[in-house]
Amino acid sequence: MNPFRLRPPRRGPCLGPLAALACLLSTLATARPAMVAPEAVAFPGPDGITLRALLVLPEGGRKGVPVVALHGCGGLGGPARPMHLPAREADWAARLAASGHPVLFPDSFGPRGVAEVCHGGERGIQPENLRRGDALAAAAWAERQGWAAAGGVVLLGWSHGGSTVLAAANRVFGPVPEGLVRGAVALYPGCVRVGRALPPFDPASPVLMLLGGADGWTPARFCEALARRAGERPGPSVESVTYPGAEHGFDQPHMPVRELSGMAITPKGDGRVRMGTDAAARADALRRVAAFLARLPPGGQE
């Protein structure tokens, strides 16, 4: 039996072993801790730009391993609007902060006059170039702060931000300062661009990829191939976990699966994607990320 195929019952009590397990997974995935209000901060980015970000600190002011969290194509708000955390990002921020991690959300779009890139295309703000530079600049700033424990930061991102995580950790795209990245977590990233070959991958730290088996926007098979190829050479571990039946955005806290249209850069070129919560995959992802972070050594050296 594959537990990732379970779904919570839509109505009625949690009777029977399978229904009880599904209800438990749903409860684990929805019980979110309280969160300190995010603080707006700014710091130097690549090429002279000033990046803005939202910072969520653990209660009590204790030091912790920083998590640089990289938003998806929807961004954190337009250039003329205050930043805000979408539901998914806020959910993860609350959980990470409750576990003692300061969480920094750099905004790659607003400072460049862009609100989002889901519909109109990337406008040059790609994971491999500008967003990679933003991620490393945010990591360098975070590790110098008084709330940061020594030993590097963790990169974590979703979709377009997950692709940015992989690009930032990948030394093929440029140097990664020694010890800056302790680990990297990418949720449903795009591991290859449409019509291109799988890129070389030389990560500077251990990598965990969490993928939806039914994801038609960023198909899991390319990331699975990337992980297999990485496992054939020495270096930090690259692990991929695929959740059968899970769509894009499976870790969203409360999003019924639905179809969206007019989206940019879809594999079929039709602009249509499906996304939404998968309770079992979400619960396992929360658990798996916590375990991954707990076992990471300082500086990303295994």
Protein backbone atom coordinates (compact mmCIF):
# COMPACT_ATOMS: atom_id res chain seq x y z
CA MET A 1 0.00 0.00 0.00
CA ASN A 2 1.28 3.46 -0.88
CA PRO A 3 0.23 5.96 1.84
CA PHE A 4 0.75 8.87 -0.56
CA ARG A 5 -2.32 7.72 -2.50
CA LEU A 6 -4.60 8.28 0.48
CA ARG A 7 -7.04 11.18 0.40
CA PRO A 8 -8.96 12.66 3.35
CA PRO A 9 -12.65 11.80 3.34
CA ARG A 10 -14.88 14.57 2.04
CA ARG A 11 -17.70 13.94 4.49
CA GLY A 12 -18.59 11.81 7.44
CA PRO A 13 -16.51 10.69 10.45
CA CYS A 14 -12.98 9.34 10.29
CA LEU A 15 -14.03 5.72 10.57
CA GLY A 16 -11.89 2.78 9.57
CA PRO A 17 -8.09 2.52 9.50
CA LEU A 18 -7.56 4.18 6.12
CA ALA A 19 -9.95 7.04 6.85
CA ALA A 20 -8.39 7.55 10.29
CA LEU A 21 -4.91 7.75 8.79
CA ALA A 22 -6.09 10.22 6.16
CA CYS A 23 -7.71 12.38 8.84
CA LEU A 24 -4.53 12.31 10.91
CA LEU A 25 -2.47 13.42 7.92
CA SER A 26 -4.95 16.20 7.23
CA THR A 27 -4.76 17.38 10.84
CA LEU A 28 -0.96 17.41 10.80
CA ALA A 29 -1.03 19.44 7.62
CA THR A 30 -3.44 22.09 8.90
CA ALA A 31 -2.42 22.73 12.52
CA ARG A 32 -0.25 25.81 11.97
CA PRO A 33 1.64 27.48 14.83
CA ALA A 34 1.21 31.16 15.60
CA MET A 35 3.68 33.44 13.83
CA VAL A 36 5.36 36.72 14.69
CA ALA A 37 4.40 39.40 12.17
CA PRO A 38 6.90 39.60 9.29
CA GLU A 39 9.30 42.55 9.28
CA ALA A 40 10.22 44.37 6.07
CA VAL A 41 13.98 44.61 5.53
CA ALA A 42 16.29 45.68 2.70
CA PHE A 43 19.84 44.79 1.71
CA PRO A 44 22.18 45.04 -1.31
CA GLY A 45 21.47 42.70 -4.20
CA PRO A 46 23.35 41.86 -7.39
CA ASP A 47 24.33 44.55 -9.89
CA GLY A 48 23.66 47.42 -7.49
CA ILE A 49 19.98 46.71 -6.92
CA THR A 50 18.49 47.05 -3.43
CA LEU A 51 16.45 43.99 -2.56
CA ARG A 52 13.50 44.08 -0.23
CA ALA A 53 12.42 41.10 1.83
CA LEU A 54 10.14 39.91 4.60
CA LEU A 55 11.79 38.49 7.70
CA VAL A 56 10.08 36.15 10.17
CA LEU A 57 12.01 35.54 13.40
CA PRO A 58 11.43 32.87 16.03
CA GLU A 59 9.94 34.04 19.29
CA GLY A 60 12.38 34.76 22.09
CA GLY A 61 15.17 36.17 19.93
CA ARG A 62 17.21 32.97 19.93
CA LYS A 63 19.68 32.26 17.14
CA GLY A 64 18.83 29.67 14.53
CA VAL A 65 19.84 28.31 11.15
CA PRO A 66 18.45 30.82 8.64
CA VAL A 67 16.14 29.69 5.86
CA VAL A 68 16.16 31.83 2.71
CA ALA A 69 12.72 31.13 1.25
CA LEU A 70 12.23 31.84 -2.45
CA HIS A 71 8.74 32.69 -3.67
CA GLY A 72 7.08 31.25 -6.75
CA CYS A 73 6.03 33.03 -9.92
CA GLY A 74 3.33 34.94 -8.02
CA GLY A 75 5.86 36.99 -6.06
CA LEU A 76 5.30 38.85 -2.81
CA GLY A 77 3.39 41.87 -4.12
CA GLY A 78 3.76 44.42 -6.88
CA PRO A 79 6.39 47.17 -6.97
CA ALA A 80 3.94 49.82 -5.73
CA ARG A 81 2.35 47.62 -3.06
CA PRO A 82 3.51 46.45 0.38
CA MET A 83 4.94 42.95 0.44
CA HIS A 84 2.80 40.15 1.81
CA LEU A 85 3.24 36.42 2.32
CA PRO A 86 0.84 34.24 0.30
CA ALA A 87 -0.91 31.47 2.23
CA ARG A 88 1.65 28.80 1.33
CA GLU A 89 4.65 30.94 2.26
CA ALA A 90 3.01 32.13 5.49
CA ASP A 91 2.25 28.55 6.48
CA TRP A 92 5.83 27.42 5.98
CA ALA A 93 7.21 30.54 7.69
CA ALA A 94 5.14 29.87 10.80
CA ARG A 95 6.27 26.25 11.00
CA LEU A 96 9.94 27.01 10.37
CA ALA A 97 10.00 29.87 12.88
CA ALA A 98 8.30 27.67 15.48
CA SER A 99 11.17 25.21 14.96
CA GLY A 100 13.72 27.95 15.65
CA HIS A 101 14.58 29.03 12.10
CA PRO A 102 14.71 32.69 11.08
CA VAL A 103 13.05 32.86 7.65
CA LEU A 104 13.95 35.47 5.02
CA PHE A 105 11.78 35.96 1.93
CA PRO A 106 13.63 38.08 -0.67
CA ASP A 107 11.43 39.69 -3.32
CA SER A 108 12.95 39.24 -6.78
CA PHE A 109 10.12 40.94 -8.66
CA GLY A 110 9.04 44.15 -6.89
CA PRO A 111 12.45 45.88 -6.96
CA ARG A 112 12.55 45.27 -10.73
CA GLY A 113 9.13 46.77 -11.35
CA VAL A 114 7.35 43.44 -11.81
CA ALA A 115 4.44 42.05 -9.81
CA GLU A 116 4.43 38.43 -11.00
CA VAL A 117 5.64 36.26 -13.86
CA CYS A 118 3.02 33.51 -13.87
CA HIS A 119 1.09 35.01 -16.77
CA GLY A 120 3.23 37.45 -18.71
CA GLY A 121 6.49 35.52 -18.82
CA GLU A 122 9.70 35.95 -16.86
CA ARG A 123 10.77 39.33 -18.29
CA GLY A 124 14.39 38.32 -17.91
CA ILE A 125 14.01 37.41 -14.23
CA GLN A 126 15.07 33.80 -14.55
CA PRO A 127 16.18 31.32 -11.88
CA GLU A 128 19.57 30.83 -13.54
CA ASN A 129 20.55 34.50 -13.57
CA LEU A 130 18.90 37.30 -11.60
CA ARG A 131 17.10 35.14 -9.09
CA ARG A 132 20.22 33.07 -8.44
CA GLY A 133 22.09 36.28 -7.62
CA ASP A 134 19.26 37.40 -5.36
CA ALA A 135 19.27 34.11 -3.46
CA LEU A 136 23.00 34.18 -2.82
CA ALA A 137 22.91 37.86 -1.84
CA ALA A 138 20.09 37.12 0.61
CA ALA A 139 22.03 34.17 2.01
CA ALA A 140 25.17 36.27 2.48
CA TRP A 141 23.19 39.00 4.24
CA ALA A 142 21.31 36.54 6.45
CA GLU A 143 24.38 34.73 7.72
CA ARG A 144 25.87 38.03 8.96
CA GLN A 145 22.90 38.90 11.15
CA GLY A 146 22.84 38.50 14.91
CA TRP A 147 19.94 36.06 14.76
CA ALA A 148 21.83 33.63 12.48
CA ALA A 149 23.54 30.54 13.82
CA ALA A 150 26.95 29.87 12.30
CA GLY A 151 27.36 27.33 9.53
CA GLY A 152 25.48 28.65 6.52
CA VAL A 153 21.86 29.00 5.44
CA VAL A 154 19.24 26.68 4.00
CA LEU A 155 17.68 27.58 0.65
CA LEU A 156 14.03 26.62 0.23
CA GLY A 157 11.70 27.45 -2.63
CA TRP A 158 8.55 26.58 -4.52
CA SER A 159 8.08 26.15 -8.28
CA HIS A 160 9.91 29.13 -9.88
CA GLY A 161 11.56 29.61 -6.50
CA GLY A 162 12.38 25.89 -6.37
CA SER A 163 14.13 26.23 -9.71
CA THR A 164 16.00 29.17 -8.20
CA VAL A 165 17.08 27.01 -5.27
CA LEU A 166 18.61 24.48 -7.66
CA ALA A 167 20.30 27.20 -9.71
CA ALA A 168 21.71 28.94 -6.64
CA ALA A 169 23.17 25.72 -5.26
CA ASN A 170 24.51 24.64 -8.67
CA ARG A 171 28.18 25.52 -9.12
CA VAL A 172 27.81 25.06 -12.88
CA PHE A 173 26.09 28.47 -12.99
CA GLY A 174 28.83 30.19 -11.00
CA PRO A 175 30.71 30.01 -7.72
CA VAL A 176 28.93 29.40 -4.43
CA PRO A 177 30.90 30.83 -1.50
CA GLU A 178 32.36 28.07 0.65
CA GLY A 179 30.11 27.24 3.58
CA LEU A 180 27.37 29.70 2.61
CA VAL A 181 24.72 27.10 1.75
CA ARG A 182 24.10 24.38 4.30
CA GLY A 183 21.34 22.65 2.34
CA ALA A 184 18.74 23.18 -0.39
CA VAL A 185 15.07 22.19 -0.56
CA ALA A 186 13.13 22.57 -3.81
CA LEU A 187 9.41 21.87 -3.97
CA TYR A 188 8.11 21.04 -7.46
CA PRO A 189 10.86 22.94 -9.31
CA GLY A 190 11.26 23.09 -13.04
CA CYS A 191 14.41 21.06 -13.57
CA VAL A 192 14.67 21.69 -17.31
CA ARG A 193 13.47 24.41 -19.66
CA VAL A 194 11.01 23.46 -22.39
CA GLY A 195 12.86 22.11 -25.41
CA ARG A 196 16.25 22.00 -23.73
CA ALA A 197 18.46 19.21 -22.44
CA LEU A 198 18.83 18.46 -18.75
CA PRO A 199 21.48 20.89 -17.42
CA PRO A 200 24.66 19.76 -15.65
CA PHE A 201 24.22 19.76 -11.87
CA ASP A 202 27.07 20.21 -9.37
CA PRO A 203 25.46 21.15 -6.05
CA ALA A 204 27.40 22.88 -3.30
CA SER A 205 25.29 21.24 -0.57
CA PRO A 206 22.84 18.39 0.02
CA VAL A 207 19.63 18.79 -1.98
CA LEU A 208 16.09 17.55 -1.34
CA MET A 209 13.48 17.77 -4.11
CA LEU A 210 9.79 17.12 -3.36
CA LEU A 211 7.75 16.47 -6.50
CA GLY A 212 4.17 15.87 -7.56
CA GLY A 213 3.67 12.72 -9.57
CA ALA A 214 0.72 14.27 -11.43
CA ASP A 215 2.36 17.68 -11.87
CA GLY A 216 1.81 18.79 -15.45
CA TRP A 217 3.47 22.20 -15.04
CA THR A 218 6.88 21.11 -13.74
CA PRO A 219 6.93 17.36 -14.46
CA ALA A 220 8.66 15.22 -11.86
CA ARG A 221 10.48 13.00 -14.36
CA PHE A 222 13.09 15.62 -15.20
CA CYS A 223 13.98 16.19 -11.56
CA GLU A 224 14.06 12.45 -10.95
CA ALA A 225 16.54 12.14 -13.83
CA LEU A 226 18.61 14.98 -12.38
CA ALA A 227 18.77 13.21 -9.01
CA ARG A 228 19.72 9.88 -10.61
CA ARG A 229 22.50 11.48 -12.60
CA ALA A 230 23.77 13.35 -9.55
CA GLY A 231 23.87 10.08 -7.63
CA GLU A 232 26.36 8.68 -10.14
CA ARG A 233 29.11 11.07 -9.12
CA PRO A 234 30.77 11.95 -5.81
CA GLY A 235 29.58 14.98 -3.93
CA PRO A 236 26.69 16.13 -1.75
CA SER A 237 23.57 13.98 -1.77
CA VAL A 238 20.68 14.79 -4.11
CA GLU A 239 17.41 13.17 -3.07
CA SER A 240 14.09 13.31 -4.87
CA VAL A 241 10.73 12.21 -3.48
CA THR A 242 7.73 11.92 -5.79
CA TYR A 243 4.17 11.81 -4.45
CA PRO A 244 1.96 9.76 -6.80
CA GLY A 245 -1.19 11.59 -7.81
CA ALA A 246 -0.10 14.92 -6.32
CA GLU A 247 -0.52 18.03 -8.46
CA HIS A 248 1.58 21.19 -8.60
CA GLY A 249 1.32 23.11 -5.33
CA PHE A 250 0.46 20.01 -3.30
CA ASP A 251 1.68 21.69 -0.08
CA GLN A 252 -0.78 24.58 -0.28
CA PRO A 253 -2.60 24.73 3.06
CA HIS A 254 -6.20 24.88 1.75
CA MET A 255 -6.48 24.85 -2.04
CA PRO A 256 -8.89 22.44 -3.71
CA VAL A 257 -7.35 21.08 -6.91
CA ARG A 258 -8.36 23.24 -9.86
CA GLU A 259 -7.30 24.12 -13.38
CA LEU A 260 -5.74 27.49 -14.14
CA SER A 261 -5.44 29.02 -17.59
CA GLY A 262 -3.33 31.72 -19.18
CA MET A 263 -0.15 30.59 -17.44
CA ALA A 264 3.27 31.17 -18.96
CA ILE A 265 5.85 28.52 -19.87
CA THR A 266 3.71 25.40 -19.72
CA PRO A 267 5.13 22.17 -21.19
CA LYS A 268 2.29 21.80 -23.71
CA GLY A 269 2.24 25.49 -24.54
CA ASP A 270 -1.51 25.71 -23.84
CA GLY A 271 -1.24 27.83 -20.71
CA ARG A 272 -3.26 25.33 -18.66
CA VAL A 273 -2.11 23.81 -15.39
CA ARG A 274 -3.71 21.98 -12.49
CA MET A 275 -2.71 22.67 -8.92
CA GLY A 276 -3.96 22.23 -5.39
CA THR A 277 -3.52 20.57 -2.02
CA ASP A 278 -2.78 16.90 -1.54
CA ALA A 279 -3.18 16.30 2.19
CA ALA A 280 -1.02 13.18 2.41
CA ALA A 281 1.79 14.63 0.29
CA ARG A 282 1.65 17.89 2.24
CA ALA A 283 1.89 16.15 5.61
CA ASP A 284 4.84 14.05 4.46
CA ALA A 285 6.58 17.08 2.94
CA LEU A 286 6.31 19.00 6.22
CA ARG A 287 7.77 16.06 8.11
CA ARG A 288 10.46 15.32 5.55
CA VAL A 289 11.71 18.92 5.34
CA ALA A 290 11.93 19.15 9.13
CA ALA A 291 13.99 15.93 9.24
CA PHE A 292 16.24 17.12 6.39
CA LEU A 293 16.96 20.42 8.13
CA ALA A 294 17.67 18.69 11.43
CA ARG A 295 20.38 16.46 9.98
CA LEU A 296 22.22 19.06 7.88
CA PRO A 297 25.82 19.66 8.99
CA PRO A 298 27.24 23.20 9.09
CA GLY A 299 28.52 24.47 5.76
CA GLY A 300 26.78 21.81 3.69
CA GLN A 301 29.58 19.26 4.14
CA GLU A 302 28.37 15.68 4.58
